[in-house]
Amino acid sequence: MGLVSRIREEIKVIRERDPAIHSNMEVFLYPSFKVMMYYRLAHKLYRKRHYFLARWVSQRGVRKTGIEIHPGAQIGKGFFIDHGNGVIIGETSVIGDNVTLYQGVTLGGTGKEQGKRHPTIGNNVMISTGAKVLGSFKIGDNSKIGAGSVVLKEVPPNSTVVGVPGRVVKRNDQALPQEKLDQTDLPDPVREDIMSLQRANAELTNRLLDLEREMKRLRAEAGMICRNGD
């Protein structure tokens, strides 16, 4: 794909996903657009084994945008970074088509792996603000990673993950691929756990009250038997 085609594609993706952009000219000021231009050039140099030049171009992109994409990362079509300051994408990351990342996302390693050290992100995935995906595993197609989540193991397709460490709270919902990606429309597992504990506590309290009433009745009956015996 030529440079002009690349630019047109990036403009189309950004305008489709960010309602704050009102004209094509604004796209040229957008960090996601700038960093992808740097990345495409750096990645081309990286594939030709011009590693120093690739990193030089990549680091210029970091200084300009605050987004760090290693030139060795593999990124598909329709990739979008919304307000991307602090986004980090590691060298062996593989990103599918139509993926959206938000501010502060890290696709990193744990520091223990050799070779493939970074995650593989499937198609139509959304990773919300501040989420960290660490390790050489896959995030399945059509999945959502909630804001602030720390994901340390594989995520099946059509899943929603939240929490630290991240856990799947929604899976195989057939409507998920057609839903509008919304990083705030996510379950709250901590709230659900608290509500479950509150229900269990209420049940235990009611049982204790029943036991206390039963004990009082038994004492009263025992007292009457004693008095009648006297």
Protein backbone atom coordinates (compact mmCIF):
# COMPACT_ATOMS: atom_id res chain seq x y z
CA MET A 1 0.00 0.00 0.00
CA GLY A 2 1.39 3.40 -1.02
CA LEU A 3 1.83 6.45 1.19
CA VAL A 4 -1.27 8.23 -0.12
CA SER A 5 -3.40 5.13 0.43
CA ARG A 6 -2.01 4.80 3.96
CA ILE A 7 -2.88 8.41 4.74
CA ARG A 8 -6.40 8.00 3.39
CA GLU A 9 -6.90 4.84 5.44
CA GLU A 10 -5.68 6.50 8.65
CA ILE A 11 -7.93 9.53 8.06
CA LYS A 12 -10.93 7.26 7.51
CA VAL A 13 -10.28 5.22 10.68
CA ILE A 14 -9.80 8.27 12.90
CA ARG A 15 -12.85 10.10 11.57
CA GLU A 16 -15.03 7.02 12.03
CA ARG A 17 -14.03 6.48 15.67
CA ASP A 18 -13.49 9.97 17.08
CA PRO A 19 -16.48 12.33 16.92
CA ALA A 20 -14.24 15.19 18.09
CA ILE A 21 -12.59 15.33 14.66
CA HIS A 22 -14.55 17.69 12.39
CA SER A 23 -12.36 17.82 9.29
CA ASN A 24 -9.69 15.84 7.49
CA MET A 25 -7.13 18.55 8.22
CA GLU A 26 -7.56 18.05 11.97
CA VAL A 27 -6.47 14.43 11.55
CA PHE A 28 -2.95 15.60 10.68
CA LEU A 29 -2.67 17.03 14.21
CA TYR A 30 -3.89 13.82 15.84
CA PRO A 31 -1.30 11.77 17.81
CA SER A 32 -2.67 8.44 16.51
CA PHE A 33 -2.19 9.61 12.92
CA LYS A 34 1.33 10.90 13.52
CA VAL A 35 2.54 7.83 15.38
CA MET A 36 1.18 5.44 12.74
CA MET A 37 3.07 7.31 10.04
CA TYR A 38 6.27 6.94 12.07
CA TYR A 39 5.48 3.31 12.84
CA ARG A 40 4.85 2.31 9.21
CA LEU A 41 8.22 3.73 8.16
CA ALA A 42 10.04 2.27 11.18
CA HIS A 43 8.45 -1.15 10.65
CA LYS A 44 9.53 -1.16 7.00
CA LEU A 45 13.10 -0.40 8.05
CA TYR A 46 12.93 -3.05 10.78
CA ARG A 47 11.85 -5.73 8.31
CA LYS A 48 14.86 -4.84 6.16
CA ARG A 49 17.07 -5.30 9.26
CA HIS A 50 17.97 -1.61 9.49
CA TYR A 51 17.43 -1.84 13.24
CA PHE A 52 19.19 1.36 14.28
CA LEU A 53 17.37 3.49 11.72
CA ALA A 54 14.09 1.81 12.64
CA ARG A 55 14.56 2.65 16.33
CA TRP A 56 15.67 6.19 15.47
CA VAL A 57 12.47 6.81 13.52
CA SER A 58 10.43 5.12 16.23
CA GLN A 59 11.93 7.28 18.98
CA ARG A 60 11.17 10.42 17.02
CA GLY A 61 7.56 9.28 17.00
CA VAL A 62 7.65 8.78 20.78
CA ARG A 63 8.95 12.30 21.35
CA LYS A 64 6.31 13.79 19.05
CA THR A 65 3.29 11.86 20.37
CA GLY A 66 4.01 10.23 23.73
CA ILE A 67 3.09 6.87 22.16
CA GLU A 68 5.76 4.17 21.95
CA ILE A 69 5.33 1.48 19.30
CA HIS A 70 8.32 -0.78 18.81
CA PRO A 71 9.13 -1.04 15.09
CA GLY A 72 9.06 -4.83 15.34
CA ALA A 73 5.38 -4.93 16.37
CA GLN A 74 2.91 -6.23 13.78
CA ILE A 75 -0.26 -4.13 13.42
CA GLY A 76 -3.24 -4.86 11.18
CA LYS A 77 -5.75 -2.62 9.42
CA GLY A 78 -8.10 -0.20 11.12
CA PHE A 79 -5.89 0.31 14.19
CA PHE A 80 -6.84 3.31 16.34
CA ILE A 81 -5.34 4.90 19.45
CA ASP A 82 -7.64 7.39 21.16
CA HIS A 83 -5.87 10.08 23.24
CA GLY A 84 -2.88 7.79 23.23
CA ASN A 85 -0.40 9.42 25.60
CA GLY A 86 1.47 6.72 27.51
CA VAL A 87 0.55 3.83 25.20
CA ILE A 88 3.36 1.25 24.91
CA ILE A 89 3.42 -1.61 22.40
CA GLY A 90 6.25 -4.14 22.69
CA GLU A 91 8.45 -5.61 19.99
CA THR A 92 6.75 -9.00 19.54
CA SER A 93 3.17 -7.73 19.89
CA VAL A 94 0.80 -8.81 17.13
CA ILE A 95 -2.36 -6.72 16.67
CA GLY A 96 -5.25 -7.76 14.45
CA ASP A 97 -7.70 -5.65 12.46
CA ASN A 98 -10.02 -2.94 13.84
CA VAL A 99 -8.39 -2.76 17.27
CA THR A 100 -8.88 0.28 19.53
CA LEU A 101 -6.54 1.28 22.37
CA TYR A 102 -7.06 4.10 24.85
CA GLN A 103 -4.68 6.23 26.89
CA GLY A 104 -2.05 4.48 29.00
CA VAL A 105 -2.48 0.97 27.58
CA THR A 106 0.56 -1.30 27.76
CA LEU A 107 1.08 -4.38 25.61
CA GLY A 108 4.17 -5.64 27.36
CA GLY A 109 6.08 -8.64 28.65
CA THR A 110 6.68 -9.99 32.13
CA GLY A 111 10.45 -9.95 31.78
CA LYS A 112 10.66 -13.76 31.95
CA GLU A 113 9.94 -14.90 28.41
CA GLN A 114 12.31 -15.45 25.52
CA GLY A 115 11.34 -15.02 21.88
CA LYS A 116 7.63 -14.12 21.67
CA ARG A 117 7.30 -11.98 24.80
CA HIS A 118 4.28 -9.78 24.12
CA PRO A 119 0.57 -10.40 23.59
CA THR A 120 -1.33 -11.18 20.42
CA ILE A 121 -4.49 -9.09 20.08
CA GLY A 122 -7.32 -10.49 17.96
CA ASN A 123 -9.66 -8.63 15.62
CA ASN A 124 -12.26 -6.09 16.82
CA VAL A 125 -10.75 -5.82 20.31
CA MET A 126 -11.06 -2.77 22.57
CA ILE A 127 -8.55 -2.18 25.38
CA SER A 128 -9.62 0.62 27.70
CA THR A 129 -7.72 3.36 29.53
CA GLY A 130 -4.79 2.24 31.66
CA ALA A 131 -5.16 -1.48 30.98
CA LYS A 132 -2.02 -3.62 31.02
CA VAL A 133 -1.76 -6.81 28.97
CA LEU A 134 1.44 -8.57 29.97
CA GLY A 135 2.77 -11.81 28.47
CA SER A 136 2.85 -13.91 25.32
CA PHE A 137 -0.78 -15.01 25.08
CA LYS A 138 -3.80 -14.08 22.97
CA ILE A 139 -6.75 -11.75 23.53
CA GLY A 140 -9.56 -13.35 21.53
CA ASP A 141 -11.56 -11.64 18.79
CA ASN A 142 -14.38 -9.23 19.73
CA SER A 143 -13.22 -8.93 23.36
CA LYS A 144 -13.18 -5.91 25.68
CA ILE A 145 -10.60 -5.18 28.36
CA GLY A 146 -11.92 -2.82 31.04
CA ALA A 147 -10.16 0.33 32.22
CA GLY A 148 -7.31 -0.29 34.64
CA SER A 149 -7.37 -4.07 34.20
CA VAL A 150 -4.18 -6.13 34.41
CA VAL A 151 -4.45 -9.14 32.11
CA LEU A 152 -1.94 -11.94 32.69
CA LYS A 153 -3.48 -14.90 30.86
CA GLU A 154 -5.30 -15.76 27.65
CA VAL A 155 -8.75 -14.32 27.03
CA PRO A 156 -11.29 -16.33 24.98
CA PRO A 157 -13.10 -14.67 22.06
CA ASN A 158 -16.22 -12.58 22.77
CA SER A 159 -15.21 -11.91 26.37
CA THR A 160 -15.24 -8.93 28.70
CA VAL A 161 -12.37 -8.71 31.21
CA VAL A 162 -12.12 -6.44 34.24
CA GLY A 163 -10.15 -6.25 37.47
CA VAL A 164 -6.65 -6.79 38.88
CA PRO A 165 -5.72 -9.43 37.98
CA GLY A 166 -8.11 -9.40 35.02
CA ARG A 167 -10.87 -11.97 34.94
CA VAL A 168 -13.55 -12.77 32.42
CA VAL A 169 -16.96 -11.49 33.54
CA LYS A 170 -18.82 -11.88 30.25
CA ARG A 171 -18.37 -14.46 27.52
CA ASN A 172 -20.03 -15.74 24.36
CA ASP A 173 -22.66 -13.03 24.24
CA GLN A 174 -23.82 -13.29 20.65
CA ALA A 175 -24.69 -9.58 20.51
CA LEU A 176 -21.16 -8.53 21.47
CA PRO A 177 -19.63 -8.24 17.98
CA GLN A 178 -22.44 -5.93 16.88
CA GLU A 179 -22.39 -3.73 19.98
CA LYS A 180 -20.84 -0.27 19.90
CA LEU A 181 -17.56 -0.46 21.79
CA ASP A 182 -17.96 1.49 25.00
CA GLN A 183 -15.23 1.38 27.63
CA THR A 184 -17.65 2.44 30.41
CA ASP A 185 -20.37 -0.16 29.78
CA LEU A 186 -18.69 -2.91 31.78
CA PRO A 187 -19.67 -5.06 34.77
CA ASP A 188 -18.22 -4.22 38.19
CA PRO A 189 -16.99 -7.48 39.77
CA VAL A 190 -16.01 -5.82 43.07
CA ARG A 191 -19.51 -4.39 43.51
CA GLU A 192 -21.02 -7.76 42.61
CA ASP A 193 -18.81 -9.52 45.20
CA ILE A 194 -19.75 -6.98 47.88
CA MET A 195 -23.44 -7.42 47.12
CA SER A 196 -23.04 -11.19 47.31
CA LEU A 197 -21.32 -10.88 50.70
CA GLN A 198 -24.08 -8.56 51.92
CA ARG A 199 -26.73 -11.11 50.92
CA ALA A 200 -24.82 -13.91 52.66
CA ASN A 201 -24.40 -11.74 55.77
CA ALA A 202 -28.14 -10.97 55.84
CA GLU A 203 -28.96 -14.67 55.58
CA LEU A 204 -26.58 -15.53 58.45
CA THR A 205 -28.03 -12.72 60.58
CA ASN A 206 -31.56 -14.00 60.02
CA ARG A 207 -30.52 -17.53 60.92
CA LEU A 208 -28.90 -16.30 64.15
CA LEU A 209 -32.04 -14.38 65.05
CA ASP A 210 -34.12 -17.50 64.43
CA LEU A 211 -31.76 -19.52 66.64
CA GLU A 212 -31.96 -16.91 69.40
CA ARG A 213 -35.77 -16.97 69.29
CA GLU A 214 -35.72 -20.78 69.38
CA MET A 215 -33.34 -20.75 72.37
CA LYS A 216 -35.59 -18.32 74.24
CA ARG A 217 -38.60 -20.53 73.55
CA LEU A 218 -36.77 -23.62 74.77
CA ARG A 219 -35.62 -21.83 77.93
CA ALA A 220 -39.18 -20.66 78.59
CA GLU A 221 -40.51 -24.17 78.14
CA ALA A 222 -37.78 -25.59 80.38
CA GLY A 223 -38.62 -22.99 83.04
CA MET A 224 -42.31 -23.92 82.95
CA ILE A 225 -41.49 -27.63 83.27
CA CYS A 226 -39.28 -26.90 86.28
CA ARG A 227 -41.97 -24.80 87.97
CA ASN A 228 -44.63 -27.45 87.34
CA GLY A 229 -42.32 -30.08 88.74
CA ASP A 230 -41.91 -28.06 91.94
